[in-house]
Amino acid sequence: MGKKYRNKVLTEQIKKDLKSLLYQIAEEKGFSIEHFEIGMDDMCICLCPSRQSCR
């Protein structure tokens, strides 16, 4: 099996737009984003079902 190569698809502008859009959707749907991290080709997000902290 060969190596898996990934293209860097999440440019700085796409990251900025994606983060803004996800925070907007979370606000509209009543979720809070506790953790949000975007890498060069992936992202990690932790949502809570209400605007209160999950902790």
PDB file of N, CA and C in Angstrom:
ATOM      1  N   MET A   1       0.847  -1.174   0.000  1.00  0.00           N
ATOM      2  CA  MET A   1       0.000   0.000   0.000  1.00  0.00           C
ATOM      3  C   MET A   1       0.896   1.242   0.000  1.00  0.00           C
ATOM      4  N   GLY A   2       0.585   2.183  -0.842  1.00  0.00           N
ATOM      5  CA  GLY A   2       1.399   3.394  -0.972  1.00  0.00           C
ATOM      6  C   GLY A   2       1.023   4.465   0.036  1.00  0.00           C
ATOM      7  N   LYS A   3       1.823   5.516   0.068  1.00  0.00           N
ATOM      8  CA  LYS A   3       1.549   6.641   0.951  1.00  0.00           C
ATOM      9  C   LYS A   3       0.328   7.409   0.480  1.00  0.00           C
ATOM     10  N   LYS A   4      -0.372   7.969   1.436  1.00  0.00           N
ATOM     11  CA  LYS A   4      -1.537   8.783   1.111  1.00  0.00           C
ATOM     12  C   LYS A   4      -1.118  10.255   1.163  1.00  0.00           C
ATOM     13  N   TYR A   5      -1.222  10.935   0.064  1.00  0.00           N
ATOM     14  CA  TYR A   5      -0.859  12.342   0.006  1.00  0.00           C
ATOM     15  C   TYR A   5      -2.118  13.190   0.050  1.00  0.00           C
ATOM     16  N   ARG A   6      -2.071  14.260   0.802  1.00  0.00           N
ATOM     17  CA  ARG A   6      -3.216  15.156   0.921  1.00  0.00           C
ATOM     18  C   ARG A   6      -2.837  16.531   0.403  1.00  0.00           C
ATOM     19  N   ASN A   7      -3.738  17.124  -0.316  1.00  0.00           N
ATOM     20  CA  ASN A   7      -3.556  18.504  -0.758  1.00  0.00           C
ATOM     21  C   ASN A   7      -4.019  19.441   0.342  1.00  0.00           C
ATOM     22  N   LYS A   8      -3.369  20.561   0.483  1.00  0.00           N
ATOM     23  CA  LYS A   8      -3.756  21.566   1.467  1.00  0.00           C
ATOM     24  C   LYS A   8      -4.920  22.356   0.902  1.00  0.00           C
ATOM     25  N   VAL A   9      -6.141  22.018   1.322  1.00  0.00           N
ATOM     26  CA  VAL A   9      -7.332  22.625   0.734  1.00  0.00           C
ATOM     27  C   VAL A   9      -7.926  23.731   1.592  1.00  0.00           C
ATOM     28  N   LEU A  10      -7.613  23.753   2.880  1.00  0.00           N
ATOM     29  CA  LEU A  10      -8.194  24.759   3.752  1.00  0.00           C
ATOM     30  C   LEU A  10      -7.255  25.959   3.861  1.00  0.00           C
ATOM     31  N   THR A  11      -7.433  26.897   2.943  1.00  0.00           N
ATOM     32  CA  THR A  11      -6.622  28.118   2.955  1.00  0.00           C
ATOM     33  C   THR A  11      -7.061  28.994   4.130  1.00  0.00           C
ATOM     34  N   GLU A  12      -6.302  30.023   4.424  1.00  0.00           N
ATOM     35  CA  GLU A  12      -6.630  30.910   5.543  1.00  0.00           C
ATOM     36  C   GLU A  12      -8.000  31.560   5.367  1.00  0.00           C
ATOM     37  N   GLN A  13      -8.345  31.957   4.156  1.00  0.00           N
ATOM     38  CA  GLN A  13      -9.663  32.572   3.917  1.00  0.00           C
ATOM     39  C   GLN A  13     -10.775  31.552   4.097  1.00  0.00           C
ATOM     40  N   ILE A  14     -10.587  30.339   3.619  1.00  0.00           N
ATOM     41  CA  ILE A  14     -11.603  29.297   3.791  1.00  0.00           C
ATOM     42  C   ILE A  14     -11.761  28.967   5.268  1.00  0.00           C
ATOM     43  N   LYS A  15     -10.656  28.895   6.011  1.00  0.00           N
ATOM     44  CA  LYS A  15     -10.718  28.635   7.449  1.00  0.00           C
ATOM     45  C   LYS A  15     -11.525  29.721   8.163  1.00  0.00           C
ATOM     46  N   LYS A  16     -11.253  30.964   7.827  1.00  0.00           N
ATOM     47  CA  LYS A  16     -11.940  32.094   8.444  1.00  0.00           C
ATOM     48  C   LYS A  16     -13.438  32.046   8.138  1.00  0.00           C
ATOM     49  N   ASP A  17     -13.782  31.817   6.884  1.00  0.00           N
ATOM     50  CA  ASP A  17     -15.188  31.746   6.476  1.00  0.00           C
ATOM     51  C   ASP A  17     -15.896  30.563   7.125  1.00  0.00           C
ATOM     52  N   LEU A  18     -15.241  29.420   7.173  1.00  0.00           N
ATOM     53  CA  LEU A  18     -15.825  28.210   7.759  1.00  0.00           C
ATOM     54  C   LEU A  18     -16.089  28.406   9.245  1.00  0.00           C
ATOM     55  N   LYS A  19     -15.126  28.975   9.947  1.00  0.00           N
ATOM     56  CA  LYS A  19     -15.288  29.215  11.382  1.00  0.00           C
ATOM     57  C   LYS A  19     -16.454  30.164  11.630  1.00  0.00           C
ATOM     58  N   SER A  20     -16.531  31.247  10.883  1.00  0.00           N
ATOM     59  CA  SER A  20     -17.609  32.208  11.031  1.00  0.00           C
ATOM     60  C   SER A  20     -18.970  31.562  10.763  1.00  0.00           C
ATOM     61  N   LEU A  21     -19.049  30.786   9.703  1.00  0.00           N
ATOM     62  CA  LEU A  21     -20.298  30.115   9.343  1.00  0.00           C
ATOM     63  C   LEU A  21     -20.732  29.118  10.416  1.00  0.00           C
ATOM     64  N   LEU A  22     -19.797  28.321  10.940  1.00  0.00           N
ATOM     65  CA  LEU A  22     -20.153  27.328  11.954  1.00  0.00           C
ATOM     66  C   LEU A  22     -20.585  27.972  13.271  1.00  0.00           C
ATOM     67  N   TYR A  23     -19.933  29.070  13.659  1.00  0.00           N
ATOM     68  CA  TYR A  23     -20.371  29.780  14.868  1.00  0.00           C
ATOM     69  C   TYR A  23     -21.756  30.387  14.664  1.00  0.00           C
ATOM     70  N   GLN A  24     -22.033  30.883  13.475  1.00  0.00           N
ATOM     71  CA  GLN A  24     -23.351  31.448  13.171  1.00  0.00           C
ATOM     72  C   GLN A  24     -24.425  30.363  13.229  1.00  0.00           C
ATOM     73  N   ILE A  25     -24.171  29.223  12.640  1.00  0.00           N
ATOM     74  CA  ILE A  25     -25.135  28.117  12.663  1.00  0.00           C
ATOM     75  C   ILE A  25     -25.357  27.625  14.083  1.00  0.00           C
ATOM     76  N   ALA A  26     -24.289  27.494  14.856  1.00  0.00           N
ATOM     77  CA  ALA A  26     -24.419  27.053  16.251  1.00  0.00           C
ATOM     78  C   ALA A  26     -25.296  28.015  17.042  1.00  0.00           C
ATOM     79  N   GLU A  27     -25.095  29.304  16.838  1.00  0.00           N
ATOM     80  CA  GLU A  27     -25.906  30.315  17.525  1.00  0.00           C
ATOM     81  C   GLU A  27     -27.375  30.195  17.131  1.00  0.00           C
ATOM     82  N   GLU A  28     -27.647  30.042  15.848  1.00  0.00           N
ATOM     83  CA  GLU A  28     -29.026  29.927  15.364  1.00  0.00           C
ATOM     84  C   GLU A  28     -29.717  28.677  15.882  1.00  0.00           C
ATOM     85  N   LYS A  29     -28.981  27.587  16.023  1.00  0.00           N
ATOM     86  CA  LYS A  29     -29.559  26.302  16.432  1.00  0.00           C
ATOM     87  C   LYS A  29     -29.521  26.069  17.939  1.00  0.00           C
ATOM     88  N   GLY A  30     -28.917  26.990  18.688  1.00  0.00           N
ATOM     89  CA  GLY A  30     -28.906  26.870  20.146  1.00  0.00           C
ATOM     90  C   GLY A  30     -27.778  26.021  20.699  1.00  0.00           C
ATOM     91  N   PHE A  31     -26.717  25.842  19.951  1.00  0.00           N
ATOM     92  CA  PHE A  31     -25.555  25.093  20.410  1.00  0.00           C
ATOM     93  C   PHE A  31     -24.453  26.062  20.811  1.00  0.00           C
ATOM     94  N   SER A  32     -23.539  25.580  21.649  1.00  0.00           N
ATOM     95  CA  SER A  32     -22.330  26.359  21.915  1.00  0.00           C
ATOM     96  C   SER A  32     -21.139  25.542  21.430  1.00  0.00           C
ATOM     97  N   ILE A  33     -20.141  26.216  20.924  1.00  0.00           N
ATOM     98  CA  ILE A  33     -18.923  25.559  20.464  1.00  0.00           C
ATOM     99  C   ILE A  33     -17.900  25.667  21.583  1.00  0.00           C
ATOM    100  N   GLU A  34     -17.546  24.530  22.174  1.00  0.00           N
ATOM    101  CA  GLU A  34     -16.602  24.501  23.286  1.00  0.00           C
ATOM    102  C   GLU A  34     -15.158  24.427  22.811  1.00  0.00           C
ATOM    103  N   HIS A  35     -14.930  23.767  21.703  1.00  0.00           N
ATOM    104  CA  HIS A  35     -13.575  23.640  21.154  1.00  0.00           C
ATOM    105  C   HIS A  35     -13.678  23.661  19.640  1.00  0.00           C
ATOM    106  N   PHE A  36     -12.796  24.424  19.017  1.00  0.00           N
ATOM    107  CA  PHE A  36     -12.798  24.513  17.565  1.00  0.00           C
ATOM    108  C   PHE A  36     -11.361  24.667  17.102  1.00  0.00           C
ATOM    109  N   GLU A  37     -10.928  23.768  16.249  1.00  0.00           N
ATOM    110  CA  GLU A  37      -9.560  23.799  15.737  1.00  0.00           C
ATOM    111  C   GLU A  37      -9.570  23.390  14.271  1.00  0.00           C
ATOM    112  N   ILE A  38      -8.897  24.165  13.448  1.00  0.00           N
ATOM    113  CA  ILE A  38      -8.816  23.857  12.020  1.00  0.00           C
ATOM    114  C   ILE A  38      -7.358  23.639  11.656  1.00  0.00           C
ATOM    115  N   GLY A  39      -7.089  22.482  11.033  1.00  0.00           N
ATOM    116  CA  GLY A  39      -5.763  22.191  10.521  1.00  0.00           C
ATOM    117  C   GLY A  39      -5.698  22.515   9.041  1.00  0.00           C
ATOM    118  N   MET A  40      -4.643  22.053   8.378  1.00  0.00           N
ATOM    119  CA  MET A  40      -4.501  22.315   6.944  1.00  0.00           C
ATOM    120  C   MET A  40      -5.455  21.467   6.103  1.00  0.00           C
ATOM    121  N   ASP A  41      -5.859  20.309   6.598  1.00  0.00           N
ATOM    122  CA  ASP A  41      -6.739  19.454   5.807  1.00  0.00           C
ATOM    123  C   ASP A  41      -7.823  18.769   6.644  1.00  0.00           C
ATOM    124  N   ASP A  42      -8.017  19.254   7.875  1.00  0.00           N
ATOM    125  CA  ASP A  42      -9.052  18.676   8.719  1.00  0.00           C
ATOM    126  C   ASP A  42      -9.470  19.687   9.779  1.00  0.00           C
ATOM    127  N   MET A  43     -10.491  19.320  10.569  1.00  0.00           N
ATOM    128  CA  MET A  43     -10.903  20.184  11.661  1.00  0.00           C
ATOM    129  C   MET A  43     -11.478  19.355  12.784  1.00  0.00           C
ATOM    130  N   CYS A  44     -11.475  19.930  13.985  1.00  0.00           N
ATOM    131  CA  CYS A  44     -12.015  19.287  15.178  1.00  0.00           C
ATOM    132  C   CYS A  44     -12.961  20.288  15.828  1.00  0.00           C
ATOM    133  N   ILE A  45     -14.165  19.824  16.162  1.00  0.00           N
ATOM    134  CA  ILE A  45     -15.152  20.719  16.771  1.00  0.00           C
ATOM    135  C   ILE A  45     -15.900  19.952  17.857  1.00  0.00           C
ATOM    136  N   CYS A  46     -16.091  20.604  19.008  1.00  0.00           N
ATOM    137  CA  CYS A  46     -16.832  20.019  20.118  1.00  0.00           C
ATOM    138  C   CYS A  46     -18.034  20.923  20.403  1.00  0.00           C
ATOM    139  N   LEU A  47     -19.231  20.370  20.256  1.00  0.00           N
ATOM    140  CA  LEU A  47     -20.468  21.130  20.444  1.00  0.00           C
ATOM    141  C   LEU A  47     -21.173  20.726  21.727  1.00  0.00           C
ATOM    142  N   CYS A  48     -21.858  21.675  22.348  1.00  0.00           N
ATOM    143  CA  CYS A  48     -22.721  21.413  23.486  1.00  0.00           C
ATOM    144  C   CYS A  48     -24.148  21.742  23.073  1.00  0.00           C
ATOM    145  N   PRO A  49     -25.115  20.974  23.561  1.00  0.00           N
ATOM    146  CA  PRO A  49     -26.493  21.147  23.108  1.00  0.00           C
ATOM    147  C   PRO A  49     -27.204  22.403  23.599  1.00  0.00           C
ATOM    148  N   SER A  50     -26.571  23.203  24.427  1.00  0.00           N
ATOM    149  CA  SER A  50     -27.190  24.458  24.846  1.00  0.00           C
ATOM    150  C   SER A  50     -26.118  25.542  24.883  1.00  0.00           C
ATOM    151  N   ARG A  51     -26.544  26.765  25.119  1.00  0.00           N
ATOM    152  CA  ARG A  51     -25.581  27.870  25.148  1.00  0.00           C
ATOM    153  C   ARG A  51     -24.750  27.857  26.433  1.00  0.00           C
ATOM    154  N   GLN A  52     -25.119  27.011  27.397  1.00  0.00           N
ATOM    155  CA  GLN A  52     -24.343  26.891  28.617  1.00  0.00           C
ATOM    156  C   GLN A  52     -23.120  26.026  28.390  1.00  0.00           C
ATOM    157  N   SER A  53     -22.143  26.185  29.243  1.00  0.00           N
ATOM    158  CA  SER A  53     -20.918  25.396  29.129  1.00  0.00           C
ATOM    159  C   SER A  53     -21.203  23.928  29.405  1.00  0.00           C
ATOM    160  N   CYS A  54     -20.512  23.054  28.747  1.00  0.00           N
ATOM    161  CA  CYS A  54     -20.664  21.606  28.937  1.00  0.00           C
ATOM    162  C   CYS A  54     -20.061  21.136  30.261  1.00  0.00           C
ATOM    163  N   ARG A  55     -19.228  21.943  30.827  1.00  0.00           N
ATOM    164  CA  ARG A  55     -18.510  21.507  32.030  1.00  0.00           C
ATOM    165  C   ARG A  55     -19.279  21.755  33.276  1.00  0.00           C
TER     166      ARG A  55
END
